[in-house]
């Protein structure tokens, strides 16, 4: 379970000087995604790609963190449900890659976001992706209205996926 900063570490009450070394290792994946959100955003806007060297590490880092959390007493089913949700999200995004032109970097990012968030709630990845697509749609409408783009042109979806992730990450924390 996630603890607030006031609950972790040294409490500065003279009558109660304690140290709580507890850390929820399941947060490793989401923290990694937060750490690479800015570089991924910049690269996707500039080059219209999400490099594997930044998107793929989310899988072992998240699985390692969730595995450590399970070893420390968390429920194994949470991790299995997160893996299943990521597999389903990957399959759906792969279909969208085939029929709608979703980029493979976006497919991997959707699966990674799902794996990282589904541990906390199975609905969080769906909300994150919904927020991402609503934000991308709204931005596209604004760009169309300002005549900065035209119908049929592509957008860098990665920044919006990361925006949806960060919104859900903050709301969950």
C-alpha atoms as a PDB file:
ATOM      1  CA  UNK A   1       0.000   0.000   0.000  1.00  0.00           C
ATOM      2  CA  UNK A   2       1.256   3.465  -0.891  1.00  0.00           C
ATOM      3  CA  UNK A   3       2.233   5.647   2.042  1.00  0.00           C
ATOM      4  CA  UNK A   4       2.349   9.400   2.174  1.00  0.00           C
ATOM      5  CA  UNK A   5       5.739  11.079   2.646  1.00  0.00           C
ATOM      6  CA  UNK A   6       4.771  11.810   6.249  1.00  0.00           C
ATOM      7  CA  UNK A   7       4.316   8.083   6.885  1.00  0.00           C
ATOM      8  CA  UNK A   8       7.655   7.018   5.441  1.00  0.00           C
ATOM      9  CA  UNK A   9      11.066   7.706   6.933  1.00  0.00           C
ATOM     10  CA  UNK A  10      11.972   9.440  10.155  1.00  0.00           C
ATOM     11  CA  UNK A  11       9.235  11.004  12.225  1.00  0.00           C
ATOM     12  CA  UNK A  12      10.478  14.128  13.903  1.00  0.00           C
ATOM     13  CA  UNK A  13       8.483  13.857  17.071  1.00  0.00           C
ATOM     14  CA  UNK A  14      10.751  13.763  20.146  1.00  0.00           C
ATOM     15  CA  UNK A  15       8.568  11.183  21.876  1.00  0.00           C
ATOM     16  CA  UNK A  16       8.482   8.974  18.785  1.00  0.00           C
ATOM     17  CA  UNK A  17      11.740   8.785  16.814  1.00  0.00           C
ATOM     18  CA  UNK A  18      11.158   5.807  14.527  1.00  0.00           C
ATOM     19  CA  UNK A  19      12.243   4.750  11.091  1.00  0.00           C
ATOM     20  CA  UNK A  20       9.869   2.934   8.730  1.00  0.00           C
ATOM     21  CA  UNK A  21      11.872   1.256   5.938  1.00  0.00           C
ATOM     22  CA  UNK A  22       8.713   0.118   4.132  1.00  0.00           C
ATOM     23  CA  UNK A  23       8.608   0.930   0.456  1.00  0.00           C
ATOM     24  CA  UNK A  24       5.987  -0.371  -1.939  1.00  0.00           C
ATOM     25  CA  UNK A  25       8.167  -1.777  -4.710  1.00  0.00           C
ATOM     26  CA  UNK A  26       5.190  -1.892  -7.076  1.00  0.00           C
ATOM     27  CA  UNK A  27       5.785   1.848  -7.547  1.00  0.00           C
ATOM     28  CA  UNK A  28       9.052   1.197  -9.406  1.00  0.00           C
ATOM     29  CA  UNK A  29       7.312   0.881 -12.797  1.00  0.00           C
ATOM     30  CA  UNK A  30       5.208   4.026 -12.467  1.00  0.00           C
ATOM     31  CA  UNK A  31       8.202   5.969 -11.134  1.00  0.00           C
ATOM     32  CA  UNK A  32      10.261   4.835 -14.129  1.00  0.00           C
ATOM     33  CA  UNK A  33       7.522   6.039 -16.477  1.00  0.00           C
ATOM     34  CA  UNK A  34       7.447   9.403 -14.721  1.00  0.00           C
ATOM     35  CA  UNK A  35      11.242   9.618 -15.060  1.00  0.00           C
ATOM     36  CA  UNK A  36      11.187   8.996 -18.825  1.00  0.00           C
ATOM     37  CA  UNK A  37       7.974  10.914 -19.583  1.00  0.00           C
ATOM     38  CA  UNK A  38       9.748  14.133 -20.543  1.00  0.00           C
ATOM     39  CA  UNK A  39      12.414  12.569 -22.809  1.00  0.00           C
ATOM     40  CA  UNK A  40       9.769  10.399 -24.484  1.00  0.00           C
ATOM     41  CA  UNK A  41       7.557  13.434 -25.040  1.00  0.00           C
ATOM     42  CA  UNK A  42      10.356  15.479 -26.597  1.00  0.00           C
ATOM     43  CA  UNK A  43      11.519  12.629 -28.834  1.00  0.00           C
ATOM     44  CA  UNK A  44       7.991  11.773 -29.977  1.00  0.00           C
ATOM     45  CA  UNK A  45       7.193  15.391 -30.848  1.00  0.00           C
ATOM     46  CA  UNK A  46      10.483  15.895 -32.706  1.00  0.00           C
ATOM     47  CA  UNK A  47      10.896  12.517 -34.400  1.00  0.00           C
ATOM     48  CA  UNK A  48       7.452  10.891 -34.212  1.00  0.00           C
ATOM     49  CA  UNK A  49       8.837   7.779 -32.552  1.00  0.00           C
ATOM     50  CA  UNK A  50       9.132   6.304 -29.084  1.00  0.00           C
ATOM     51  CA  UNK A  51      12.514   4.582 -28.812  1.00  0.00           C
ATOM     52  CA  UNK A  52      12.695   1.047 -27.442  1.00  0.00           C
ATOM     53  CA  UNK A  53      15.579   2.002 -25.158  1.00  0.00           C
ATOM     54  CA  UNK A  54      13.089   4.101 -23.150  1.00  0.00           C
ATOM     55  CA  UNK A  55       9.820   2.202 -23.588  1.00  0.00           C
ATOM     56  CA  UNK A  56      10.895  -1.413 -23.127  1.00  0.00           C
ATOM     57  CA  UNK A  57      12.593  -1.102 -19.696  1.00  0.00           C
ATOM     58  CA  UNK A  58       9.198  -0.388 -18.114  1.00  0.00           C
ATOM     59  CA  UNK A  59       8.334  -4.086 -18.416  1.00  0.00           C
ATOM     60  CA  UNK A  60      11.215  -5.650 -16.437  1.00  0.00           C
ATOM     61  CA  UNK A  61      11.302  -2.760 -13.960  1.00  0.00           C
ATOM     62  CA  UNK A  62       7.568  -3.028 -13.282  1.00  0.00           C
ATOM     63  CA  UNK A  63       7.623  -6.816 -13.070  1.00  0.00           C
ATOM     64  CA  UNK A  64      10.635  -6.709 -10.755  1.00  0.00           C
ATOM     65  CA  UNK A  65       8.922  -4.179  -8.496  1.00  0.00           C
ATOM     66  CA  UNK A  66       5.644  -6.080  -8.447  1.00  0.00           C
ATOM     67  CA  UNK A  67       7.511  -9.340  -7.817  1.00  0.00           C
ATOM     68  CA  UNK A  68       9.333  -7.785  -4.868  1.00  0.00           C
ATOM     69  CA  UNK A  69       6.033  -6.475  -3.514  1.00  0.00           C
ATOM     70  CA  UNK A  70       4.546  -9.971  -3.764  1.00  0.00           C
ATOM     71  CA  UNK A  71       7.552 -11.445  -1.949  1.00  0.00           C
ATOM     72  CA  UNK A  72       7.053  -8.868   0.799  1.00  0.00           C
ATOM     73  CA  UNK A  73       3.444  -9.910   1.321  1.00  0.00           C
ATOM     74  CA  UNK A  74       1.298  -8.306  -1.357  1.00  0.00           C
ATOM     75  CA  UNK A  75      -1.305 -10.373  -3.183  1.00  0.00           C
ATOM     76  CA  UNK A  76       0.027 -12.385  -6.151  1.00  0.00           C
ATOM     77  CA  UNK A  77      -3.286 -11.970  -7.960  1.00  0.00           C
ATOM     78  CA  UNK A  78      -2.690  -8.228  -8.285  1.00  0.00           C
ATOM     79  CA  UNK A  79       0.456  -8.891 -10.289  1.00  0.00           C
ATOM     80  CA  UNK A  80      -1.192 -11.583 -12.398  1.00  0.00           C
ATOM     81  CA  UNK A  81      -4.154  -9.294 -13.099  1.00  0.00           C
ATOM     82  CA  UNK A  82      -1.750  -6.504 -14.139  1.00  0.00           C
ATOM     83  CA  UNK A  83       0.077  -8.847 -16.525  1.00  0.00           C
ATOM     84  CA  UNK A  84      -3.216 -10.054 -18.007  1.00  0.00           C
ATOM     85  CA  UNK A  85      -4.451  -6.462 -18.419  1.00  0.00           C
ATOM     86  CA  UNK A  86      -1.180  -5.483 -20.131  1.00  0.00           C
ATOM     87  CA  UNK A  87      -1.467  -8.457 -22.483  1.00  0.00           C
ATOM     88  CA  UNK A  88      -5.047  -7.500 -23.390  1.00  0.00           C
ATOM     89  CA  UNK A  89      -4.070  -3.839 -23.874  1.00  0.00           C
ATOM     90  CA  UNK A  90      -1.149  -4.897 -26.057  1.00  0.00           C
ATOM     91  CA  UNK A  91      -3.416  -7.094 -28.194  1.00  0.00           C
ATOM     92  CA  UNK A  92      -5.997  -4.323 -28.656  1.00  0.00           C
ATOM     93  CA  UNK A  93      -3.303  -1.737 -29.432  1.00  0.00           C
ATOM     94  CA  UNK A  94      -1.716  -4.161 -31.904  1.00  0.00           C
ATOM     95  CA  UNK A  95      -5.046  -4.445 -33.715  1.00  0.00           C
ATOM     96  CA  UNK A  96      -5.209  -0.631 -33.770  1.00  0.00           C
ATOM     97  CA  UNK A  97      -1.696  -0.623 -35.204  1.00  0.00           C
ATOM     98  CA  UNK A  98      -2.853  -2.850 -38.002  1.00  0.00           C
ATOM     99  CA  UNK A  99      -6.185  -1.194 -38.837  1.00  0.00           C
ATOM    100  CA  UNK A 100      -5.786   2.412 -37.684  1.00  0.00           C
ATOM    101  CA  UNK A 101      -2.090   3.194 -38.000  1.00  0.00           C
ATOM    102  CA  UNK A 102      -1.229   3.393 -34.296  1.00  0.00           C
ATOM    103  CA  UNK A 103       2.564   3.366 -34.023  1.00  0.00           C
ATOM    104  CA  UNK A 104       4.390   0.416 -32.472  1.00  0.00           C
ATOM    105  CA  UNK A 105       5.996   2.721 -29.913  1.00  0.00           C
ATOM    106  CA  UNK A 106       2.507   3.736 -28.844  1.00  0.00           C
ATOM    107  CA  UNK A 107       1.491   0.053 -28.688  1.00  0.00           C
ATOM    108  CA  UNK A 108       4.399  -0.737 -26.345  1.00  0.00           C
ATOM    109  CA  UNK A 109       3.758   2.386 -24.282  1.00  0.00           C
ATOM    110  CA  UNK A 110       0.079   1.478 -23.841  1.00  0.00           C
ATOM    111  CA  UNK A 111       1.058  -2.009 -22.660  1.00  0.00           C
ATOM    112  CA  UNK A 112       3.674  -0.583 -20.273  1.00  0.00           C
ATOM    113  CA  UNK A 113       1.281   1.992 -18.837  1.00  0.00           C
ATOM    114  CA  UNK A 114      -1.314  -0.732 -18.364  1.00  0.00           C
ATOM    115  CA  UNK A 115       1.146  -3.040 -16.596  1.00  0.00           C
ATOM    116  CA  UNK A 116       2.297  -0.248 -14.284  1.00  0.00           C
ATOM    117  CA  UNK A 117      -1.180   1.051 -13.382  1.00  0.00           C
ATOM    118  CA  UNK A 118      -3.279  -2.137 -13.312  1.00  0.00           C
ATOM    119  CA  UNK A 119      -1.511  -3.254 -10.123  1.00  0.00           C
ATOM    120  CA  UNK A 120      -3.267  -0.428  -8.275  1.00  0.00           C
ATOM    121  CA  UNK A 121      -6.665  -0.730  -9.968  1.00  0.00           C
ATOM    122  CA  UNK A 122      -7.834  -2.517 -13.102  1.00  0.00           C
ATOM    123  CA  UNK A 123      -9.690   0.650 -14.144  1.00  0.00           C
ATOM    124  CA  UNK A 124      -6.718   3.021 -13.940  1.00  0.00           C
ATOM    125  CA  UNK A 125      -5.195   2.039 -17.310  1.00  0.00           C
ATOM    126  CA  UNK A 126      -8.552   2.452 -19.042  1.00  0.00           C
ATOM    127  CA  UNK A 127      -8.985   5.896 -17.481  1.00  0.00           C
ATOM    128  CA  UNK A 128      -5.416   6.869 -18.424  1.00  0.00           C
ATOM    129  CA  UNK A 129      -5.921   5.833 -22.036  1.00  0.00           C
ATOM    130  CA  UNK A 130      -9.331   7.534 -22.160  1.00  0.00           C
ATOM    131  CA  UNK A 131      -7.805  10.766 -20.819  1.00  0.00           C
ATOM    132  CA  UNK A 132      -5.029  10.444 -23.422  1.00  0.00           C
ATOM    133  CA  UNK A 133      -7.406  10.019 -26.358  1.00  0.00           C
ATOM    134  CA  UNK A 134      -9.708  12.822 -25.172  1.00  0.00           C
ATOM    135  CA  UNK A 135      -6.720  15.165 -24.762  1.00  0.00           C
ATOM    136  CA  UNK A 136      -5.328  14.165 -28.182  1.00  0.00           C
ATOM    137  CA  UNK A 137      -8.749  14.672 -29.779  1.00  0.00           C
ATOM    138  CA  UNK A 138      -9.191  18.073 -28.174  1.00  0.00           C
ATOM    139  CA  UNK A 139      -5.706  19.168 -29.229  1.00  0.00           C
ATOM    140  CA  UNK A 140      -6.372  17.958 -32.765  1.00  0.00           C
ATOM    141  CA  UNK A 141      -9.618  19.933 -32.917  1.00  0.00           C
ATOM    142  CA  UNK A 142      -7.829  23.073 -31.744  1.00  0.00           C
ATOM    143  CA  UNK A 143      -5.096  22.566 -34.348  1.00  0.00           C
ATOM    144  CA  UNK A 144      -7.729  22.041 -37.045  1.00  0.00           C
ATOM    145  CA  UNK A 145      -9.594  25.178 -35.982  1.00  0.00           C
ATOM    146  CA  UNK A 146      -6.368  27.188 -36.061  1.00  0.00           C
ATOM    147  CA  UNK A 147      -5.526  25.676 -39.461  1.00  0.00           C
ATOM    148  CA  UNK A 148      -2.206  24.365 -38.125  1.00  0.00           C
ATOM    149  CA  UNK A 149      -3.023  20.880 -39.415  1.00  0.00           C
ATOM    150  CA  UNK A 150      -5.445  19.208 -41.751  1.00  0.00           C
ATOM    151  CA  UNK A 151      -7.672  16.159 -41.708  1.00  0.00           C
ATOM    152  CA  UNK A 152      -5.778  12.930 -42.199  1.00  0.00           C
ATOM    153  CA  UNK A 153      -2.469  14.128 -40.754  1.00  0.00           C
ATOM    154  CA  UNK A 154      -0.921  12.252 -37.851  1.00  0.00           C
ATOM    155  CA  UNK A 155      -0.091  13.429 -34.363  1.00  0.00           C
ATOM    156  CA  UNK A 156       2.464  12.287 -31.824  1.00  0.00           C
ATOM    157  CA  UNK A 157       0.277  10.224 -29.480  1.00  0.00           C
ATOM    158  CA  UNK A 158       3.003   9.434 -26.927  1.00  0.00           C
ATOM    159  CA  UNK A 159       2.803  12.765 -25.090  1.00  0.00           C
ATOM    160  CA  UNK A 160      -0.947  12.340 -24.656  1.00  0.00           C
ATOM    161  CA  UNK A 161      -0.551   8.753 -23.422  1.00  0.00           C
ATOM    162  CA  UNK A 162       2.014   9.967 -20.912  1.00  0.00           C
ATOM    163  CA  UNK A 163      -0.283  12.836 -19.906  1.00  0.00           C
ATOM    164  CA  UNK A 164      -3.095  10.353 -19.223  1.00  0.00           C
ATOM    165  CA  UNK A 165      -0.682   8.181 -17.262  1.00  0.00           C
ATOM    166  CA  UNK A 166       0.579  11.090 -15.146  1.00  0.00           C
ATOM    167  CA  UNK A 167      -2.995  12.264 -14.423  1.00  0.00           C
ATOM    168  CA  UNK A 168      -3.918   8.779 -13.178  1.00  0.00           C
ATOM    169  CA  UNK A 169      -0.605   8.372 -11.341  1.00  0.00           C
ATOM    170  CA  UNK A 170      -1.188  11.594  -9.415  1.00  0.00           C
ATOM    171  CA  UNK A 171      -4.852  10.806  -8.782  1.00  0.00           C
ATOM    172  CA  UNK A 172      -3.983   7.322  -7.511  1.00  0.00           C
ATOM    173  CA  UNK A 173      -1.125   8.488  -5.295  1.00  0.00           C
END
